[in-house]
């Protein structure tokens, strides 16, 4: 009887540990995805600004 309870407690403890580990992995993956999304939107914004500057008549590159 006690061995069965201990085995069940060990099993549920391992399941809880695995679920906790999966939560940590999920949070890390979501953080990486959010960072990628923010970086990509910033890059798109910069690309739009550069295209508008190139399309503007009489615009010259200040570095050349």
Protein backbone atom coordinates (compact mmCIF):
# COMPACT_ATOMS: atom_id res chain seq x y z
CA UNK A 1 0.00 0.00 0.00
CA UNK A 2 2.67 2.52 1.02
CA UNK A 3 4.89 1.47 -1.89
CA UNK A 4 1.99 2.18 -4.29
CA UNK A 5 1.45 5.64 -2.79
CA UNK A 6 5.17 6.39 -2.98
CA UNK A 7 5.31 5.22 -6.61
CA UNK A 8 2.29 7.39 -7.46
CA UNK A 9 3.86 10.39 -5.69
CA UNK A 10 7.10 9.86 -7.60
CA UNK A 11 5.24 9.54 -10.89
CA UNK A 12 3.17 12.69 -10.32
CA UNK A 13 6.26 14.55 -9.12
CA UNK A 14 8.12 13.66 -12.32
CA UNK A 15 5.13 14.70 -14.43
CA UNK A 16 5.00 18.02 -12.54
CA UNK A 17 8.72 18.54 -13.08
CA UNK A 18 8.38 17.84 -16.79
CA UNK A 19 5.41 20.23 -17.07
CA UNK A 20 7.35 22.93 -15.21
CA UNK A 21 10.30 22.46 -17.56
CA UNK A 22 7.98 22.75 -20.56
CA UNK A 23 6.58 26.03 -19.18
CA UNK A 24 10.11 27.43 -18.93
CA UNK A 25 10.90 26.33 -22.49
CA UNK A 26 7.61 27.81 -23.75
CA UNK A 27 8.34 31.17 -22.09
CA UNK A 28 11.82 31.28 -23.61
CA UNK A 29 10.48 30.44 -27.08
CA UNK A 30 7.78 33.13 -26.80
CA UNK A 31 10.36 35.70 -25.70
CA UNK A 32 12.61 34.85 -28.65
CA UNK A 33 9.65 35.05 -31.04
CA UNK A 34 8.59 38.42 -29.66
CA UNK A 35 12.13 39.75 -30.00
CA UNK A 36 12.30 38.55 -33.60
CA UNK A 37 8.94 40.17 -34.37
CA UNK A 38 9.98 43.51 -32.88
CA UNK A 39 13.32 43.47 -34.72
CA UNK A 40 11.62 42.57 -37.99
CA UNK A 41 9.03 45.34 -37.69
CA UNK A 42 11.76 47.86 -36.88
CA UNK A 43 13.73 46.73 -39.94
CA UNK A 44 10.61 47.06 -42.11
CA UNK A 45 10.03 50.58 -40.80
CA UNK A 46 13.61 51.57 -41.63
CA UNK A 47 13.27 50.04 -45.11
CA UNK A 48 10.10 52.07 -45.76
CA UNK A 49 11.83 55.28 -44.66
CA UNK A 50 14.81 54.53 -46.91
CA UNK A 51 12.55 53.81 -49.90
CA UNK A 52 10.68 57.08 -49.36
CA UNK A 53 13.97 58.96 -49.17
CA UNK A 54 15.19 57.35 -52.41
CA UNK A 55 11.92 58.14 -54.20
CA UNK A 56 12.04 61.80 -53.16
CA UNK A 57 13.23 63.94 -56.10
CA UNK A 58 16.50 65.75 -55.55
CA UNK A 59 17.50 63.61 -52.63
CA UNK A 60 21.21 62.94 -52.43
CA UNK A 61 23.10 60.54 -50.24
CA UNK A 62 24.79 62.66 -47.55
CA UNK A 63 27.65 60.19 -47.32
CA UNK A 64 28.71 60.52 -50.97
